[in-house]
Amino acid sequence: MTETTSAATAIPPAANQIPVSGADIASAAGATPAAPEITSALIVDATLWILIGFSVVTWALILIKGIQHLRISQHNRSYGKKFWGAQDFQAAAALEGNKGPAARVADIGFTTLIEADGGTTTHDLEHTGDRQELLDRRLRQQMQKERGALESGLAILATIGSISPFVGLFGTVWGIMGALTSISKSGSASLDVVAGPIGEALIATAVGIAVAVPAVIGYNFFIRRNKVIWAFLDDFAIDFVHLALKTSFLIKRPASGSVASPRTSGTGAKHPVLKASHEDLQAEGAQI
């Protein structure tokens, strides 16, 4: 009788137990998937912000490079007119206030010839090849510097143009994964449930393509412009060496402040000697 009473008292009364409803179990089970949803939204948002940053950098570089190429074209045309309109090679060395790649290449050439005329190099046929080799090497070195300045920033455009679609695709894939998780939790696969989350995820791919297209177009455009400028500088350097060869690589240091003016005849008509030499060089090149 005593054992039966103690066993009965070991069982707690039903009134002391805490009731657990089905709603509490459902809420506890539904609280855990919140973390993947938050992570998915954050990753998609981060992807979009990265693409927006890429877009800002792309348009900034396009604007900067566009202004740079516009100024270079103006400076090269301006200096080309003054250079080929000078009286002679010595007068062209006295031109001042020049800007642009062509002017800097010519300045290096004149500096090299002036240094050679200072007595460090013998002016005879034996050393003519040495002076020409030195002049050609200095001109090529300066042209490489100009080429480096022209190509600055293009690697960034190429990188943005190539990786932006993949960054957008990454955001889309992650967003779709989050959308599928939400759909499975809701237990409904109707169109109104599926279209919203997946459509938001696909925006990342669209933004990635929209960022990549201007970057690729800008890169190809400036690569083409660089080739044109490089060809111009290459022709200018070849003509410069030919003109220096005609003067036996002899040139005097120009007086400070002197600016060359085109040669005029008695009637006042201009007869620039270098322009005629330039036309002769072009004719020789056409024959070759």
Protein backbone atom coordinates (compact mmCIF):
# COMPACT_ATOMS: atom_id res chain seq x y z
CA MET A 1 0.00 0.00 0.00
CA THR A 2 2.85 2.36 0.77
CA GLU A 3 4.66 1.61 -2.50
CA THR A 4 1.51 2.29 -4.47
CA THR A 5 1.03 5.65 -2.78
CA SER A 6 4.63 6.78 -3.43
CA ALA A 7 4.44 5.77 -7.09
CA ALA A 8 1.28 7.74 -7.44
CA THR A 9 2.77 10.81 -5.91
CA ALA A 10 5.84 10.62 -8.25
CA ILE A 11 3.67 11.45 -11.21
CA PRO A 12 3.14 15.24 -11.35
CA PRO A 13 -0.39 16.43 -11.69
CA ALA A 14 -1.57 17.60 -15.11
CA ALA A 15 -2.31 21.01 -13.69
CA ASN A 16 1.40 21.62 -13.05
CA GLN A 17 2.49 20.87 -16.67
CA ILE A 18 2.93 23.77 -19.14
CA PRO A 19 0.71 23.26 -22.16
CA VAL A 20 2.39 23.57 -25.58
CA SER A 21 0.14 24.51 -28.48
CA GLY A 22 0.62 23.74 -32.17
CA ALA A 23 1.04 27.46 -32.93
CA ASP A 24 4.03 27.67 -30.61
CA ILE A 25 5.68 24.71 -32.34
CA ALA A 26 5.05 26.22 -35.78
CA SER A 27 6.45 29.59 -34.73
CA ALA A 28 9.53 27.97 -33.25
CA ALA A 29 10.10 25.95 -36.40
CA GLY A 30 9.58 28.96 -38.67
CA ALA A 31 12.02 31.21 -36.81
CA THR A 32 15.18 29.47 -38.04
CA PRO A 33 14.99 30.13 -41.84
CA ALA A 34 15.11 33.91 -41.27
CA ALA A 35 18.92 33.97 -41.39
CA PRO A 36 19.25 32.68 -44.99
CA GLU A 37 16.68 35.23 -46.19
CA ILE A 38 18.54 38.10 -44.56
CA THR A 39 21.88 36.88 -45.91
CA SER A 40 20.46 36.54 -49.43
CA ALA A 41 19.04 40.06 -49.38
CA LEU A 42 22.30 41.51 -48.10
CA ILE A 43 24.36 39.75 -50.77
CA VAL A 44 22.07 40.90 -53.58
CA ASP A 45 22.14 44.48 -52.26
CA ALA A 46 25.93 44.37 -51.92
CA THR A 47 26.20 43.12 -55.50
CA LEU A 48 24.08 45.99 -56.77
CA TRP A 49 26.13 48.56 -54.86
CA ILE A 50 29.35 47.09 -56.26
CA LEU A 51 27.95 47.36 -59.79
CA ILE A 52 26.87 50.95 -59.14
CA GLY A 53 30.44 51.72 -58.02
CA PHE A 54 31.77 50.10 -61.20
CA SER A 55 29.42 52.27 -63.25
CA VAL A 56 30.61 55.46 -61.56
CA VAL A 57 34.25 54.54 -62.16
CA THR A 58 33.51 53.65 -65.79
CA TRP A 59 31.84 56.94 -66.66
CA ALA A 60 34.47 58.92 -64.76
CA LEU A 61 37.25 57.23 -66.76
CA ILE A 62 35.38 57.74 -70.04
CA LEU A 63 35.02 61.44 -69.27
CA ILE A 64 38.66 61.84 -68.20
CA LYS A 65 40.05 59.91 -71.17
CA GLY A 66 37.75 61.76 -73.56
CA ILE A 67 39.04 65.15 -72.37
CA GLN A 68 42.61 63.84 -72.50
CA HIS A 69 42.30 62.67 -76.11
CA LEU A 70 40.59 65.89 -77.16
CA ARG A 71 43.44 67.98 -75.75
CA ILE A 72 46.08 65.69 -77.25
CA SER A 73 44.53 66.01 -80.71
CA GLN A 74 44.39 69.80 -80.42
CA HIS A 75 47.98 70.07 -79.16
CA ASN A 76 49.35 67.75 -81.85
CA ARG A 77 47.61 69.68 -84.62
CA SER A 78 48.77 73.00 -83.22
CA TYR A 79 52.38 71.93 -82.83
CA GLY A 80 52.40 70.20 -86.22
CA LYS A 81 51.40 73.45 -87.92
CA LYS A 82 54.09 75.43 -86.10
CA PHE A 83 56.78 72.80 -86.59
CA TRP A 84 56.29 72.32 -90.32
CA GLY A 85 55.78 76.05 -90.76
CA ALA A 86 59.18 76.95 -89.29
CA GLN A 87 61.99 78.35 -91.43
CA ASP A 88 64.34 75.44 -90.87
CA PHE A 89 65.28 72.77 -88.38
CA GLN A 90 67.13 75.27 -86.20
CA ALA A 91 64.10 77.58 -86.14
CA ALA A 92 61.82 74.69 -85.20
CA ALA A 93 64.01 74.07 -82.14
CA ALA A 94 63.30 77.63 -80.97
CA LEU A 95 59.53 77.13 -80.80
CA GLU A 96 58.19 77.74 -77.30
CA GLY A 97 54.97 77.27 -75.38
CA ASN A 98 54.26 73.89 -76.93
CA LYS A 99 52.23 71.12 -75.34
CA GLY A 100 51.24 67.61 -76.27
CA PRO A 101 52.99 64.34 -77.09
CA ALA A 102 54.42 65.52 -80.42
CA ALA A 103 55.97 68.59 -78.80
CA ARG A 104 57.53 66.49 -76.03
CA VAL A 105 58.94 64.01 -78.54
CA ALA A 106 60.44 66.85 -80.56
CA ASP A 107 61.83 68.46 -77.42
CA ILE A 108 63.65 65.24 -76.53
CA GLY A 109 65.01 65.08 -80.06
CA PHE A 110 66.27 68.66 -80.02
CA THR A 111 67.78 68.17 -76.56
CA THR A 112 69.65 65.10 -77.79
CA LEU A 113 70.99 66.96 -80.83
CA ILE A 114 72.03 69.95 -78.72
CA GLU A 115 73.89 67.69 -76.30
CA ALA A 116 75.64 66.01 -79.23
CA ASP A 117 76.56 69.43 -80.63
CA GLY A 118 78.15 70.37 -77.31
CA GLY A 119 81.33 68.51 -78.15
CA THR A 120 80.56 65.14 -76.61
CA THR A 121 80.19 63.53 -80.05
CA THR A 122 82.49 63.77 -83.06
CA HIS A 123 80.76 65.19 -86.13
CA ASP A 124 82.11 63.00 -88.91
CA LEU A 125 80.80 60.20 -91.11
CA GLU A 126 82.19 57.57 -88.79
CA HIS A 127 80.04 58.74 -85.87
CA THR A 128 76.95 59.68 -87.87
CA GLY A 129 75.42 56.27 -87.24
CA ASP A 130 76.08 56.62 -83.51
CA ARG A 131 74.27 59.95 -83.37
CA GLN A 132 71.35 58.60 -85.37
CA GLU A 133 71.09 55.56 -83.12
CA LEU A 134 71.18 57.75 -80.01
CA LEU A 135 68.52 60.09 -81.42
CA ASP A 136 66.28 57.22 -82.47
CA ARG A 137 66.60 55.56 -79.06
CA ARG A 138 65.74 58.77 -77.19
CA LEU A 139 62.72 59.36 -79.40
CA ARG A 140 61.48 55.81 -78.87
CA GLN A 141 61.89 56.10 -75.12
CA GLN A 142 59.80 59.27 -75.04
CA MET A 143 57.18 57.67 -77.26
CA GLN A 144 56.92 54.76 -74.83
CA LYS A 145 56.30 57.24 -72.01
CA GLU A 146 53.56 58.89 -74.04
CA ARG A 147 52.08 55.50 -74.79
CA GLY A 148 52.00 54.64 -71.10
CA ALA A 149 50.14 57.88 -70.36
CA LEU A 150 47.63 57.15 -73.12
CA GLU A 151 46.98 53.61 -71.87
CA SER A 152 46.51 54.59 -68.23
CA GLY A 153 43.07 53.64 -66.95
CA LEU A 154 42.24 51.35 -69.86
CA ALA A 155 43.04 48.23 -67.84
CA ILE A 156 40.36 49.28 -65.35
CA LEU A 157 37.80 49.67 -68.14
CA ALA A 158 38.71 46.25 -69.51
CA THR A 159 38.41 44.67 -66.07
CA ILE A 160 35.02 46.24 -65.37
CA GLY A 161 33.74 45.27 -68.79
CA SER A 162 34.76 41.64 -68.32
CA ILE A 163 33.71 40.97 -64.71
CA SER A 164 30.53 43.06 -64.34
CA PRO A 165 28.22 40.49 -65.99
CA PHE A 166 29.61 37.76 -63.73
CA VAL A 167 29.18 39.90 -60.62
CA GLY A 168 25.56 40.51 -61.62
CA LEU A 169 25.08 36.81 -62.35
CA PHE A 170 26.43 35.95 -58.90
CA GLY A 171 23.86 38.25 -57.30
CA THR A 172 21.11 36.73 -59.42
CA VAL A 173 22.00 33.14 -58.50
CA TRP A 174 22.16 33.98 -54.82
CA GLY A 175 18.88 35.88 -55.00
CA ILE A 176 17.14 32.97 -56.72
CA MET A 177 18.41 30.63 -54.01
CA GLY A 178 16.87 32.89 -51.38
CA ALA A 179 13.65 33.13 -53.39
CA LEU A 180 13.38 29.34 -53.63
CA THR A 181 13.89 29.07 -49.89
CA SER A 182 11.02 31.49 -49.31
CA ILE A 183 8.80 29.61 -51.76
CA SER A 184 9.48 26.27 -50.08
CA LYS A 185 8.69 27.78 -46.68
CA SER A 186 5.43 29.28 -47.85
CA GLY A 187 4.40 26.00 -49.46
CA SER A 188 2.95 27.72 -52.52
CA ALA A 189 4.43 27.83 -56.05
CA SER A 190 1.86 30.10 -57.68
CA LEU A 191 2.95 32.79 -60.12
CA ASP A 192 2.35 35.69 -57.75
CA VAL A 193 4.65 34.06 -55.19
CA VAL A 194 7.43 33.08 -57.62
CA ALA A 195 7.54 36.13 -59.92
CA GLY A 196 8.40 38.75 -57.31
CA PRO A 197 11.54 37.28 -55.68
CA ILE A 198 12.97 35.86 -58.91
CA GLY A 199 12.32 39.10 -60.78
CA GLU A 200 14.19 41.05 -58.12
CA ALA A 201 17.10 38.63 -58.38
CA LEU A 202 17.30 38.99 -62.17
CA ILE A 203 17.78 42.75 -61.80
CA ALA A 204 21.39 42.11 -60.73
CA THR A 205 22.19 40.46 -64.08
CA ALA A 206 20.56 43.32 -66.00
CA VAL A 207 22.56 45.89 -64.03
CA GLY A 208 25.78 43.93 -64.62
CA ILE A 209 25.22 43.95 -68.38
CA ALA A 210 24.30 47.65 -68.32
CA VAL A 211 27.57 48.42 -66.53
CA ALA A 212 29.69 46.23 -68.82
CA VAL A 213 28.48 47.62 -72.16
CA PRO A 214 29.76 51.24 -71.73
CA ALA A 215 33.04 49.94 -70.29
CA VAL A 216 33.68 47.68 -73.29
CA ILE A 217 32.67 50.36 -75.80
CA GLY A 218 34.88 52.96 -74.09
CA TYR A 219 37.82 50.57 -73.95
CA ASN A 220 37.62 49.71 -77.66
CA PHE A 221 37.17 53.36 -78.63
CA PHE A 222 40.21 54.57 -76.70
CA ILE A 223 42.33 51.65 -77.91
CA ARG A 224 41.54 52.74 -81.46
CA ARG A 225 42.33 56.38 -80.67
CA ASN A 226 45.63 55.34 -79.07
CA LYS A 227 46.61 53.50 -82.24
CA VAL A 228 45.92 56.62 -84.30
CA ILE A 229 47.99 58.82 -81.98
CA TRP A 230 50.78 56.26 -81.84
CA ALA A 231 50.90 56.08 -85.66
CA PHE A 232 51.07 59.88 -85.79
CA LEU A 233 53.96 59.97 -83.30
CA ASP A 234 55.76 57.19 -85.13
CA ASP A 235 55.54 59.06 -88.45
CA PHE A 236 56.61 62.27 -86.73
CA ALA A 237 59.65 60.59 -85.16
CA ILE A 238 60.70 59.11 -88.51
CA ASP A 239 60.41 62.52 -90.20
CA PHE A 240 62.34 64.11 -87.33
CA VAL A 241 65.24 61.68 -87.78
CA HIS A 242 65.26 62.29 -91.56
CA LEU A 243 65.39 66.05 -91.04
CA ALA A 244 68.17 65.67 -88.48
CA LEU A 245 70.07 63.48 -90.93
CA LYS A 246 69.84 66.19 -93.60
CA THR A 247 71.45 68.65 -91.19
CA SER A 248 74.14 66.09 -90.22
CA PHE A 249 72.67 66.08 -86.71
CA LEU A 250 74.02 69.59 -86.11
CA ILE A 251 71.90 72.08 -84.19
CA LYS A 252 72.69 75.03 -81.97
CA ARG A 253 71.05 75.81 -78.67
CA PRO A 254 68.24 78.30 -79.44
CA ALA A 255 68.31 81.71 -77.79
CA SER A 256 65.88 82.13 -74.91
CA GLY A 257 62.62 83.75 -75.90
CA SER A 258 63.16 83.45 -79.62
CA VAL A 259 60.29 82.05 -81.58
CA ALA A 260 60.68 80.98 -85.16
CA SER A 261 58.55 82.57 -87.83
CA PRO A 262 57.88 81.24 -91.33
CA ARG A 263 60.15 82.49 -94.08
CA THR A 264 58.54 85.06 -96.35
CA SER A 265 59.45 86.30 -99.80
CA GLY A 266 59.40 89.88 -100.97
CA THR A 267 55.69 89.67 -101.69
CA GLY A 268 54.97 88.50 -98.16
CA ALA A 269 53.99 84.95 -99.16
CA LYS A 270 55.01 82.24 -96.75
CA HIS A 271 57.48 79.59 -97.90
CA PRO A 272 58.10 77.27 -94.94
CA VAL A 273 61.12 75.15 -95.71
CA LEU A 274 60.22 72.34 -93.28
CA LYS A 275 56.79 72.02 -94.83
CA ALA A 276 58.42 71.45 -98.21
CA SER A 277 60.75 68.92 -96.61
CA HIS A 278 57.74 67.22 -95.06
CA GLU A 279 56.10 66.94 -98.47
CA ASP A 280 59.32 65.51 -99.91
CA LEU A 281 59.46 62.90 -97.15
CA GLN A 282 55.85 61.93 -97.80
CA ALA A 283 56.62 61.60 -101.52
CA GLU A 284 59.61 59.39 -100.76
CA GLY A 285 57.47 57.21 -98.52
CA ALA A 286 54.83 56.86 -101.25
CA GLN A 287 57.48 55.72 -103.73
CA ILE A 288 58.78 53.12 -101.27
